[in-house]
Amino acid sequence: MLKGEPPQPVTSSSELSNLLYFVGDDLREAALAVGGIEAFLVQVEELLAKPRFTASDVEQLNRYVEVAQRVEHLGDSLDSLCRSLFRLREGLAKGPVQVDQTPAASKIA
């Protein structure tokens, strides 16, 4: 599914299983991005809490490009997660579905 396309509802239990796998992956990706952003913010906070710091100390934290990439990655992960949750909701609107806990992608021999 491409960005900008309307999400297609889930129509089978195997699609639902795969969707749950991707939701988990989106959650992990978002958590990794948040962790990197949080680490940067903690470093900035620790620096600002010092009674003295230098331009060199600040320069060591000047990782704007890396942090901006993590923020962008977080946005992409959250967008994908929201789209997947929409598909999940639409699929479950028809009633509960028995979910196979093994994603179809892992069943390929």
PDB file of N, CA and C in Angstrom:
ATOM      1  N   MET A   1       0.843  -1.161   0.000  1.00  0.00           N
ATOM      2  CA  MET A   1       0.000   0.000   0.000  1.00  0.00           C
ATOM      3  C   MET A   1       0.894   1.231   0.000  1.00  0.00           C
ATOM      4  N   LEU A   2       0.655   2.133  -0.905  1.00  0.00           N
ATOM      5  CA  LEU A   2       1.439   3.350  -1.018  1.00  0.00           C
ATOM      6  C   LEU A   2       0.828   4.452  -0.168  1.00  0.00           C
ATOM      7  N   LYS A   3       1.698   5.357   0.284  1.00  0.00           N
ATOM      8  CA  LYS A   3       1.215   6.503   1.041  1.00  0.00           C
ATOM      9  C   LYS A   3       0.229   7.283   0.204  1.00  0.00           C
ATOM     10  N   GLY A   4      -0.866   7.711   0.798  1.00  0.00           N
ATOM     11  CA  GLY A   4      -1.861   8.477   0.066  1.00  0.00           C
ATOM     12  C   GLY A   4      -2.999   7.629  -0.471  1.00  0.00           C
ATOM     13  N   GLU A   5      -2.788   6.320  -0.564  1.00  0.00           N
ATOM     14  CA  GLU A   5      -3.859   5.426  -1.005  1.00  0.00           C
ATOM     15  C   GLU A   5      -4.748   5.112   0.181  1.00  0.00           C
ATOM     16  N   PRO A   6      -6.054   4.950  -0.039  1.00  0.00           N
ATOM     17  CA  PRO A   6      -6.912   4.572   1.083  1.00  0.00           C
ATOM     18  C   PRO A   6      -6.595   3.147   1.518  1.00  0.00           C
ATOM     19  N   PRO A   7      -6.557   2.896   2.834  1.00  0.00           N
ATOM     20  CA  PRO A   7      -6.269   1.548   3.310  1.00  0.00           C
ATOM     21  C   PRO A   7      -7.374   0.579   2.905  1.00  0.00           C
ATOM     22  N   GLN A   8      -6.980  -0.606   2.526  1.00  0.00           N
ATOM     23  CA  GLN A   8      -7.941  -1.641   2.154  1.00  0.00           C
ATOM     24  C   GLN A   8      -8.283  -2.462   3.393  1.00  0.00           C
ATOM     25  N   PRO A   9      -9.566  -2.774   3.619  1.00  0.00           N
ATOM     26  CA  PRO A   9      -9.926  -3.556   4.798  1.00  0.00           C
ATOM     27  C   PRO A   9      -9.403  -4.983   4.705  1.00  0.00           C
ATOM     28  N   VAL A  10      -9.200  -5.576   5.847  1.00  0.00           N
ATOM     29  CA  VAL A  10      -8.762  -6.966   5.958  1.00  0.00           C
ATOM     30  C   VAL A  10      -9.954  -7.863   5.634  1.00  0.00           C
ATOM     31  N   THR A  11      -9.715  -8.893   4.828  1.00  0.00           N
ATOM     32  CA  THR A  11     -10.836  -9.744   4.420  1.00  0.00           C
ATOM     33  C   THR A  11     -10.688 -11.203   4.851  1.00  0.00           C
ATOM     34  N   SER A  12      -9.528 -11.603   5.389  1.00  0.00           N
ATOM     35  CA  SER A  12      -9.367 -13.002   5.805  1.00  0.00           C
ATOM     36  C   SER A  12      -8.528 -13.077   7.078  1.00  0.00           C
ATOM     37  N   SER A  13      -8.588 -14.223   7.745  1.00  0.00           N
ATOM     38  CA  SER A  13      -7.823 -14.383   8.977  1.00  0.00           C
ATOM     39  C   SER A  13      -6.323 -14.388   8.704  1.00  0.00           C
ATOM     40  N   SER A  14      -5.895 -14.882   7.534  1.00  0.00           N
ATOM     41  CA  SER A  14      -4.458 -14.848   7.235  1.00  0.00           C
ATOM     42  C   SER A  14      -3.990 -13.412   6.997  1.00  0.00           C
ATOM     43  N   GLU A  15      -4.827 -12.595   6.352  1.00  0.00           N
ATOM     44  CA  GLU A  15      -4.490 -11.174   6.187  1.00  0.00           C
ATOM     45  C   GLU A  15      -4.414 -10.497   7.549  1.00  0.00           C
ATOM     46  N   LEU A  16      -5.332 -10.852   8.431  1.00  0.00           N
ATOM     47  CA  LEU A  16      -5.347 -10.281   9.771  1.00  0.00           C
ATOM     48  C   LEU A  16      -4.079 -10.670  10.526  1.00  0.00           C
ATOM     49  N   SER A  17      -3.662 -11.914  10.409  1.00  0.00           N
ATOM     50  CA  SER A  17      -2.427 -12.367  11.065  1.00  0.00           C
ATOM     51  C   SER A  17      -1.229 -11.578  10.559  1.00  0.00           C
ATOM     52  N   ASN A  18      -1.150 -11.411   9.253  1.00  0.00           N
ATOM     53  CA  ASN A  18      -0.046 -10.637   8.688  1.00  0.00           C
ATOM     54  C   ASN A  18      -0.111  -9.185   9.142  1.00  0.00           C
ATOM     55  N   LEU A  19      -1.313  -8.636   9.189  1.00  0.00           N
ATOM     56  CA  LEU A  19      -1.475  -7.251   9.615  1.00  0.00           C
ATOM     57  C   LEU A  19      -0.998  -7.076  11.055  1.00  0.00           C
ATOM     58  N   LEU A  20      -1.318  -8.026  11.923  1.00  0.00           N
ATOM     59  CA  LEU A  20      -0.869  -7.955  13.313  1.00  0.00           C
ATOM     60  C   LEU A  20       0.656  -8.013  13.388  1.00  0.00           C
ATOM     61  N   TYR A  21       1.271  -8.791  12.519  1.00  0.00           N
ATOM     62  CA  TYR A  21       2.725  -8.856  12.448  1.00  0.00           C
ATOM     63  C   TYR A  21       3.286  -7.474  12.086  1.00  0.00           C
ATOM     64  N   PHE A  22       2.697  -6.819  11.087  1.00  0.00           N
ATOM     65  CA  PHE A  22       3.167  -5.506  10.666  1.00  0.00           C
ATOM     66  C   PHE A  22       2.907  -4.444  11.731  1.00  0.00           C
ATOM     67  N   VAL A  23       1.789  -4.560  12.453  1.00  0.00           N
ATOM     68  CA  VAL A  23       1.517  -3.626  13.552  1.00  0.00           C
ATOM     69  C   VAL A  23       2.629  -3.748  14.591  1.00  0.00           C
ATOM     70  N   GLY A  24       3.010  -4.974  14.928  1.00  0.00           N
ATOM     71  CA  GLY A  24       4.107  -5.185  15.882  1.00  0.00           C
ATOM     72  C   GLY A  24       5.406  -4.589  15.374  1.00  0.00           C
ATOM     73  N   ASP A  25       5.674  -4.742  14.086  1.00  0.00           N
ATOM     74  CA  ASP A  25       6.877  -4.186  13.492  1.00  0.00           C
ATOM     75  C   ASP A  25       6.845  -2.660  13.546  1.00  0.00           C
ATOM     76  N   ASP A  26       5.691  -2.071  13.232  1.00  0.00           N
ATOM     77  CA  ASP A  26       5.552  -0.608  13.313  1.00  0.00           C
ATOM     78  C   ASP A  26       5.790  -0.117  14.739  1.00  0.00           C
ATOM     79  N   LEU A  27       5.287  -0.859  15.717  1.00  0.00           N
ATOM     80  CA  LEU A  27       5.491  -0.486  17.119  1.00  0.00           C
ATOM     81  C   LEU A  27       6.974  -0.521  17.481  1.00  0.00           C
ATOM     82  N   ARG A  28       7.680  -1.567  17.046  1.00  0.00           N
ATOM     83  CA  ARG A  28       9.111  -1.673  17.331  1.00  0.00           C
ATOM     84  C   ARG A  28       9.889  -0.537  16.664  1.00  0.00           C
ATOM     85  N   GLU A  29       9.557  -0.241  15.420  1.00  0.00           N
ATOM     86  CA  GLU A  29      10.236   0.843  14.700  1.00  0.00           C
ATOM     87  C   GLU A  29      10.001   2.190  15.395  1.00  0.00           C
ATOM     88  N   ALA A  30       8.773   2.429  15.803  1.00  0.00           N
ATOM     89  CA  ALA A  30       8.456   3.685  16.496  1.00  0.00           C
ATOM     90  C   ALA A  30       9.203   3.763  17.824  1.00  0.00           C
ATOM     91  N   ALA A  31       9.265   2.654  18.547  1.00  0.00           N
ATOM     92  CA  ALA A  31       9.962   2.630  19.837  1.00  0.00           C
ATOM     93  C   ALA A  31      11.456   2.905  19.660  1.00  0.00           C
ATOM     94  N   LEU A  32      12.060   2.355  18.622  1.00  0.00           N
ATOM     95  CA  LEU A  32      13.479   2.617  18.362  1.00  0.00           C
ATOM     96  C   LEU A  32      13.716   4.096  18.069  1.00  0.00           C
ATOM     97  N   ALA A  33      12.843   4.689  17.274  1.00  0.00           N
ATOM     98  CA  ALA A  33      12.980   6.108  16.953  1.00  0.00           C
ATOM     99  C   ALA A  33      12.808   6.962  18.205  1.00  0.00           C
ATOM    100  N   VAL A  34      11.802   6.639  19.011  1.00  0.00           N
ATOM    101  CA  VAL A  34      11.564   7.391  20.249  1.00  0.00           C
ATOM    102  C   VAL A  34      12.765   7.255  21.184  1.00  0.00           C
ATOM    103  N   GLY A  35      13.328   6.049  21.265  1.00  0.00           N
ATOM    104  CA  GLY A  35      14.492   5.830  22.126  1.00  0.00           C
ATOM    105  C   GLY A  35      15.668   6.704  21.726  1.00  0.00           C
ATOM    106  N   GLY A  36      15.926   6.820  20.432  1.00  0.00           N
ATOM    107  CA  GLY A  36      17.020   7.665  19.966  1.00  0.00           C
ATOM    108  C   GLY A  36      16.771   9.139  20.239  1.00  0.00           C
ATOM    109  N   ILE A  37      15.535   9.561  20.056  1.00  0.00           N
ATOM    110  CA  ILE A  37      15.179  10.957  20.319  1.00  0.00           C
ATOM    111  C   ILE A  37      15.296  11.240  21.815  1.00  0.00           C
ATOM    112  N   GLU A  38      14.814  10.307  22.624  1.00  0.00           N
ATOM    113  CA  GLU A  38      14.876  10.482  24.078  1.00  0.00           C
ATOM    114  C   GLU A  38      16.326  10.552  24.563  1.00  0.00           C
ATOM    115  N   ALA A  39      17.185   9.702  24.024  1.00  0.00           N
ATOM    116  CA  ALA A  39      18.598   9.718  24.424  1.00  0.00           C
ATOM    117  C   ALA A  39      19.222  11.083  24.141  1.00  0.00           C
ATOM    118  N   PHE A  40      18.917  11.638  22.989  1.00  0.00           N
ATOM    119  CA  PHE A  40      19.427  12.964  22.638  1.00  0.00           C
ATOM    120  C   PHE A  40      18.908  14.013  23.617  1.00  0.00           C
ATOM    121  N   LEU A  41      17.612  13.981  23.920  1.00  0.00           N
ATOM    122  CA  LEU A  41      17.027  14.969  24.822  1.00  0.00           C
ATOM    123  C   LEU A  41      17.616  14.862  26.234  1.00  0.00           C
ATOM    124  N   VAL A  42      17.887  13.648  26.682  1.00  0.00           N
ATOM    125  CA  VAL A  42      18.500  13.449  27.996  1.00  0.00           C
ATOM    126  C   VAL A  42      19.904  14.043  28.011  1.00  0.00           C
ATOM    127  N   GLN A  43      20.650  13.846  26.925  1.00  0.00           N
ATOM    128  CA  GLN A  43      22.001  14.417  26.854  1.00  0.00           C
ATOM    129  C   GLN A  43      21.957  15.945  26.892  1.00  0.00           C
ATOM    130  N   VAL A  44      21.007  16.533  26.191  1.00  0.00           N
ATOM    131  CA  VAL A  44      20.865  17.993  26.210  1.00  0.00           C
ATOM    132  C   VAL A  44      20.500  18.455  27.619  1.00  0.00           C
ATOM    133  N   GLU A  45      19.557  17.772  28.235  1.00  0.00           N
ATOM    134  CA  GLU A  45      19.140  18.140  29.589  1.00  0.00           C
ATOM    135  C   GLU A  45      20.312  18.043  30.570  1.00  0.00           C
ATOM    136  N   GLU A  46      21.095  16.979  30.467  1.00  0.00           N
ATOM    137  CA  GLU A  46      22.253  16.811  31.356  1.00  0.00           C
ATOM    138  C   GLU A  46      23.274  17.917  31.136  1.00  0.00           C
ATOM    139  N   LEU A  47      23.496  18.304  29.901  1.00  0.00           N
ATOM    140  CA  LEU A  47      24.435  19.379  29.607  1.00  0.00           C
ATOM    141  C   LEU A  47      23.953  20.693  30.214  1.00  0.00           C
ATOM    142  N   LEU A  48      22.678  20.991  30.014  1.00  0.00           N
ATOM    143  CA  LEU A  48      22.140  22.257  30.512  1.00  0.00           C
ATOM    144  C   LEU A  48      22.082  22.309  32.041  1.00  0.00           C
ATOM    145  N   ALA A  49      22.092  21.144  32.690  1.00  0.00           N
ATOM    146  CA  ALA A  49      22.057  21.099  34.156  1.00  0.00           C
ATOM    147  C   ALA A  49      23.438  21.367  34.761  1.00  0.00           C
ATOM    148  N   LYS A  50      24.495  21.299  33.950  1.00  0.00           N
ATOM    149  CA  LYS A  50      25.851  21.550  34.455  1.00  0.00           C
ATOM    150  C   LYS A  50      26.006  23.041  34.766  1.00  0.00           C
ATOM    151  N   PRO A  51      26.791  23.348  35.796  1.00  0.00           N
ATOM    152  CA  PRO A  51      27.003  24.758  36.114  1.00  0.00           C
ATOM    153  C   PRO A  51      27.834  25.487  35.056  1.00  0.00           C
ATOM    154  N   ARG A  52      28.675  24.736  34.340  1.00  0.00           N
ATOM    155  CA  ARG A  52      29.498  25.328  33.275  1.00  0.00           C
ATOM    156  C   ARG A  52      29.578  24.354  32.114  1.00  0.00           C
ATOM    157  N   PHE A  53      29.475  24.886  30.931  1.00  0.00           N
ATOM    158  CA  PHE A  53      29.722  24.080  29.733  1.00  0.00           C
ATOM    159  C   PHE A  53      30.248  24.994  28.644  1.00  0.00           C
ATOM    160  N   THR A  54      30.884  24.367  27.671  1.00  0.00           N
ATOM    161  CA  THR A  54      31.583  25.131  26.631  1.00  0.00           C
ATOM    162  C   THR A  54      30.900  24.945  25.278  1.00  0.00           C
ATOM    163  N   ALA A  55      31.353  25.734  24.331  1.00  0.00           N
ATOM    164  CA  ALA A  55      30.861  25.595  22.956  1.00  0.00           C
ATOM    165  C   ALA A  55      31.185  24.207  22.425  1.00  0.00           C
ATOM    166  N   SER A  56      32.314  23.666  22.832  1.00  0.00           N
ATOM    167  CA  SER A  56      32.713  22.322  22.416  1.00  0.00           C
ATOM    168  C   SER A  56      31.731  21.276  22.955  1.00  0.00           C
ATOM    169  N   ASP A  57      31.273  21.457  24.188  1.00  0.00           N
ATOM    170  CA  ASP A  57      30.281  20.539  24.770  1.00  0.00           C
ATOM    171  C   ASP A  57      28.995  20.557  23.950  1.00  0.00           C
ATOM    172  N   VAL A  58      28.590  21.764  23.580  1.00  0.00           N
ATOM    173  CA  VAL A  58      27.367  21.913  22.782  1.00  0.00           C
ATOM    174  C   VAL A  58      27.579  21.307  21.399  1.00  0.00           C
ATOM    175  N   GLU A  59      28.751  21.522  20.832  1.00  0.00           N
ATOM    176  CA  GLU A  59      29.052  20.984  19.499  1.00  0.00           C
ATOM    177  C   GLU A  59      28.945  19.463  19.483  1.00  0.00           C
ATOM    178  N   GLN A  60      29.341  18.812  20.566  1.00  0.00           N
ATOM    179  CA  GLN A  60      29.253  17.359  20.636  1.00  0.00           C
ATOM    180  C   GLN A  60      27.800  16.877  20.559  1.00  0.00           C
ATOM    181  N   LEU A  61      26.880  17.727  20.950  1.00  0.00           N
ATOM    182  CA  LEU A  61      25.458  17.378  20.886  1.00  0.00           C
ATOM    183  C   LEU A  61      24.820  17.795  19.568  1.00  0.00           C
ATOM    184  N   ASN A  62      25.560  18.485  18.742  1.00  0.00           N
ATOM    185  CA  ASN A  62      25.002  19.015  17.504  1.00  0.00           C
ATOM    186  C   ASN A  62      24.820  17.889  16.486  1.00  0.00           C
ATOM    187  N   ARG A  63      23.806  17.091  16.727  1.00  0.00           N
ATOM    188  CA  ARG A  63      23.492  15.954  15.850  1.00  0.00           C
ATOM    189  C   ARG A  63      22.119  16.171  15.239  1.00  0.00           C
ATOM    190  N   TYR A  64      21.853  17.403  14.843  1.00  0.00           N
ATOM    191  CA  TYR A  64      20.514  17.742  14.360  1.00  0.00           C
ATOM    192  C   TYR A  64      20.058  16.836  13.225  1.00  0.00           C
ATOM    193  N   VAL A  65      20.946  16.546  12.288  1.00  0.00           N
ATOM    194  CA  VAL A  65      20.558  15.730  11.132  1.00  0.00           C
ATOM    195  C   VAL A  65      20.130  14.340  11.593  1.00  0.00           C
ATOM    196  N   GLU A  66      20.898  13.743  12.491  1.00  0.00           N
ATOM    197  CA  GLU A  66      20.558  12.409  13.002  1.00  0.00           C
ATOM    198  C   GLU A  66      19.217  12.428  13.739  1.00  0.00           C
ATOM    199  N   VAL A  67      19.016  13.427  14.578  1.00  0.00           N
ATOM    200  CA  VAL A  67      17.762  13.529  15.333  1.00  0.00           C
ATOM    201  C   VAL A  67      16.602  13.806  14.386  1.00  0.00           C
ATOM    202  N   ALA A  68      16.808  14.663  13.411  1.00  0.00           N
ATOM    203  CA  ALA A  68      15.750  14.964  12.439  1.00  0.00           C
ATOM    204  C   ALA A  68      15.358  13.710  11.665  1.00  0.00           C
ATOM    205  N   GLN A  69      16.334  12.878  11.337  1.00  0.00           N
ATOM    206  CA  GLN A  69      16.030  11.617  10.639  1.00  0.00           C
ATOM    207  C   GLN A  69      15.208  10.698  11.534  1.00  0.00           C
ATOM    208  N   ARG A  70      15.534  10.657  12.813  1.00  0.00           N
ATOM    209  CA  ARG A  70      14.756   9.823  13.748  1.00  0.00           C
ATOM    210  C   ARG A  70      13.328  10.337  13.889  1.00  0.00           C
ATOM    211  N   VAL A  71      13.178  11.653  13.926  1.00  0.00           N
ATOM    212  CA  VAL A  71      11.837  12.246  14.009  1.00  0.00           C
ATOM    213  C   VAL A  71      11.043  11.887  12.749  1.00  0.00           C
ATOM    214  N   GLU A  72      11.680  11.995  11.590  1.00  0.00           N
ATOM    215  CA  GLU A  72      11.010  11.640  10.340  1.00  0.00           C
ATOM    216  C   GLU A  72      10.647  10.152  10.332  1.00  0.00           C
ATOM    217  N   HIS A  73      11.553   9.311  10.804  1.00  0.00           N
ATOM    218  CA  HIS A  73      11.292   7.872  10.862  1.00  0.00           C
ATOM    219  C   HIS A  73      10.129   7.579  11.818  1.00  0.00           C
ATOM    220  N   LEU A  74      10.097   8.297  12.933  1.00  0.00           N
ATOM    221  CA  LEU A  74       8.988   8.137  13.882  1.00  0.00           C
ATOM    222  C   LEU A  74       7.668   8.502  13.207  1.00  0.00           C
ATOM    223  N   GLY A  75       7.645   9.607  12.473  1.00  0.00           N
ATOM    224  CA  GLY A  75       6.431  10.003  11.763  1.00  0.00           C
ATOM    225  C   GLY A  75       5.979   8.945  10.774  1.00  0.00           C
ATOM    226  N   ASP A  76       6.937   8.385  10.028  1.00  0.00           N
ATOM    227  CA  ASP A  76       6.601   7.330   9.065  1.00  0.00           C
ATOM    228  C   ASP A  76       6.055   6.093   9.770  1.00  0.00           C
ATOM    229  N   SER A  77       6.701   5.719  10.885  1.00  0.00           N
ATOM    230  CA  SER A  77       6.256   4.534  11.638  1.00  0.00           C
ATOM    231  C   SER A  77       4.857   4.732  12.203  1.00  0.00           C
ATOM    232  N   LEU A  78       4.608   5.918  12.739  1.00  0.00           N
ATOM    233  CA  LEU A  78       3.278   6.196  13.301  1.00  0.00           C
ATOM    234  C   LEU A  78       2.215   6.256  12.216  1.00  0.00           C
ATOM    235  N   ASP A  79       2.563   6.794  11.057  1.00  0.00           N
ATOM    236  CA  ASP A  79       1.629   6.832   9.931  1.00  0.00           C
ATOM    237  C   ASP A  79       1.260   5.410   9.515  1.00  0.00           C
ATOM    238  N   SER A  80       2.260   4.574   9.381  1.00  0.00           N
ATOM    239  CA  SER A  80       2.026   3.181   8.999  1.00  0.00           C
ATOM    240  C   SER A  80       1.199   2.460  10.067  1.00  0.00           C
ATOM    241  N   LEU A  81       1.519   2.704  11.333  1.00  0.00           N
ATOM    242  CA  LEU A  81       0.783   2.085  12.429  1.00  0.00           C
ATOM    243  C   LEU A  81      -0.690   2.497  12.398  1.00  0.00           C
ATOM    244  N   CYS A  82      -0.951   3.774  12.210  1.00  0.00           N
ATOM    245  CA  CYS A  82      -2.339   4.264  12.170  1.00  0.00           C
ATOM    246  C   CYS A  82      -3.108   3.662  11.000  1.00  0.00           C
ATOM    247  N   ARG A  83      -2.455   3.557   9.848  1.00  0.00           N
ATOM    248  CA  ARG A  83      -3.104   2.961   8.682  1.00  0.00           C
ATOM    249  C   ARG A  83      -3.417   1.484   8.946  1.00  0.00           C
ATOM    250  N   SER A  84      -2.488   0.790   9.573  1.00  0.00           N
ATOM    251  CA  SER A  84      -2.706  -0.627   9.888  1.00  0.00           C
ATOM    252  C   SER A  84      -3.837  -0.793  10.894  1.00  0.00           C
ATOM    253  N   LEU A  85      -3.873   0.084  11.892  1.00  0.00           N
ATOM    254  CA  LEU A  85      -4.946   0.007  12.886  1.00  0.00           C
ATOM    255  C   LEU A  85      -6.303   0.297  12.249  1.00  0.00           C
ATOM    256  N   PHE A  86      -6.336   1.208  11.273  1.00  0.00           N
ATOM    257  CA  PHE A  86      -7.575   1.471  10.549  1.00  0.00           C
ATOM    258  C   PHE A  86      -8.030   0.197   9.834  1.00  0.00           C
ATOM    259  N   ARG A  87      -7.097  -0.454   9.158  1.00  0.00           N
ATOM    260  CA  ARG A  87      -7.428  -1.703   8.455  1.00  0.00           C
ATOM    261  C   ARG A  87      -7.900  -2.764   9.439  1.00  0.00           C
ATOM    262  N   LEU A  88      -7.258  -2.839  10.585  1.00  0.00           N
ATOM    263  CA  LEU A  88      -7.634  -3.812  11.606  1.00  0.00           C
ATOM    264  C   LEU A  88      -9.055  -3.544  12.093  1.00  0.00           C
ATOM    265  N   ARG A  89      -9.349  -2.281  12.373  1.00  0.00           N
ATOM    266  CA  ARG A  89     -10.697  -1.920  12.831  1.00  0.00           C
ATOM    267  C   ARG A  89     -11.741  -2.272  11.787  1.00  0.00           C
ATOM    268  N   GLU A  90     -11.440  -1.947  10.524  1.00  0.00           N
ATOM    269  CA  GLU A  90     -12.382  -2.244   9.448  1.00  0.00           C
ATOM    270  C   GLU A  90     -12.594  -3.747   9.308  1.00  0.00           C
ATOM    271  N   GLY A  91     -11.529  -4.505   9.446  1.00  0.00           N
ATOM    272  CA  GLY A  91     -11.640  -5.961   9.336  1.00  0.00           C
ATOM    273  C   GLY A  91     -12.433  -6.571  10.474  1.00  0.00           C
ATOM    274  N   LEU A  92     -12.298  -6.005  11.661  1.00  0.00           N
ATOM    275  CA  LEU A  92     -12.997  -6.530  12.833  1.00  0.00           C
ATOM    276  C   LEU A  92     -14.427  -6.006  12.940  1.00  0.00           C
ATOM    277  N   ALA A  93     -14.780  -5.015  12.136  1.00  0.00           N
ATOM    278  CA  ALA A  93     -16.139  -4.479  12.168  1.00  0.00           C
ATOM    279  C   ALA A  93     -17.163  -5.540  11.780  1.00  0.00           C
ATOM    280  N   LYS A  94     -16.714  -6.531  11.027  1.00  0.00           N
ATOM    281  CA  LYS A  94     -17.608  -7.619  10.608  1.00  0.00           C
ATOM    282  C   LYS A  94     -17.804  -8.647  11.713  1.00  0.00           C
ATOM    283  N   GLY A  95     -17.034  -8.553  12.767  1.00  0.00           N
ATOM    284  CA  GLY A  95     -17.120  -9.491  13.878  1.00  0.00           C
ATOM    285  C   GLY A  95     -15.747 -10.044  14.198  1.00  0.00           C
ATOM    286  N   PRO A  96     -15.629 -10.730  15.332  1.00  0.00           N
ATOM    287  CA  PRO A  96     -14.332 -11.281  15.732  1.00  0.00           C
ATOM    288  C   PRO A  96     -13.819 -12.300  14.720  1.00  0.00           C
ATOM    289  N   VAL A  97     -12.511 -12.369  14.608  1.00  0.00           N
ATOM    290  CA  VAL A  97     -11.864 -13.297  13.686  1.00  0.00           C
ATOM    291  C   VAL A  97     -10.841 -14.101  14.471  1.00  0.00           C
ATOM    292  N   GLN A  98     -10.772 -15.392  14.220  1.00  0.00           N
ATOM    293  CA  GLN A  98      -9.745 -16.229  14.828  1.00  0.00           C
ATOM    294  C   GLN A  98      -8.413 -15.890  14.167  1.00  0.00           C
ATOM    295  N   VAL A  99      -7.423 -15.565  14.971  1.00  0.00           N
ATOM    296  CA  VAL A  99      -6.133 -15.141  14.435  1.00  0.00           C
ATOM    297  C   VAL A  99      -5.121 -16.265  14.569  1.00  0.00           C
ATOM    298  N   ASP A 100      -4.486 -16.605  13.455  1.00  0.00           N
ATOM    299  CA  ASP A 100      -3.372 -17.540  13.442  1.00  0.00           C
ATOM    300  C   ASP A 100      -2.162 -16.757  13.936  1.00  0.00           C
ATOM    301  N   GLN A 101      -1.520 -17.192  15.003  1.00  0.00           N
ATOM    302  CA  GLN A 101      -0.416 -16.442  15.607  1.00  0.00           C
ATOM    303  C   GLN A 101       0.871 -16.495  14.805  1.00  0.00           C
ATOM    304  N   THR A 102       0.943 -17.304  13.752  1.00  0.00           N
ATOM    305  CA  THR A 102       2.133 -17.368  12.905  1.00  0.00           C
ATOM    306  C   THR A 102       1.855 -16.604  11.633  1.00  0.00           C
ATOM    307  N   PRO A 103       2.589 -15.504  11.384  1.00  0.00           N
ATOM    308  CA  PRO A 103       2.346 -14.740  10.155  1.00  0.00           C
ATOM    309  C   PRO A 103       2.600 -15.584   8.920  1.00  0.00           C
ATOM    310  N   ALA A 104       1.796 -15.353   7.905  1.00  0.00           N
ATOM    311  CA  ALA A 104       1.924 -16.128   6.669  1.00  0.00           C
ATOM    312  C   ALA A 104       3.318 -15.969   6.074  1.00  0.00           C
ATOM    313  N   ALA A 105       3.946 -14.820   6.252  1.00  0.00           N
ATOM    314  CA  ALA A 105       5.274 -14.601   5.697  1.00  0.00           C
ATOM    315  C   ALA A 105       6.277 -15.610   6.260  1.00  0.00           C
ATOM    316  N   SER A 106       6.082 -16.034   7.527  1.00  0.00           N
ATOM    317  CA  SER A 106       7.029 -16.975   8.104  1.00  0.00           C
ATOM    318  C   SER A 106       6.715 -18.417   7.724  1.00  0.00           C
ATOM    319  N   LYS A 107       5.588 -18.653   7.084  1.00  0.00           N
ATOM    320  CA  LYS A 107       5.197 -20.005   6.673  1.00  0.00           C
ATOM    321  C   LYS A 107       5.781 -20.382   5.312  1.00  0.00           C
ATOM    322  N   ILE A 108       6.385 -19.418   4.632  1.00  0.00           N
ATOM    323  CA  ILE A 108       6.937 -19.696   3.303  1.00  0.00           C
ATOM    324  C   ILE A 108       8.190 -20.544   3.489  1.00  0.00           C
ATOM    325  N   ALA A 109       8.224 -21.668   2.810  1.00  0.00           N
ATOM    326  CA  ALA A 109       9.355 -22.589   2.991  1.00  0.00           C
ATOM    327  C   ALA A 109      10.517 -22.232   2.118  1.00  0.00           C
TER     328      ALA A 109
END
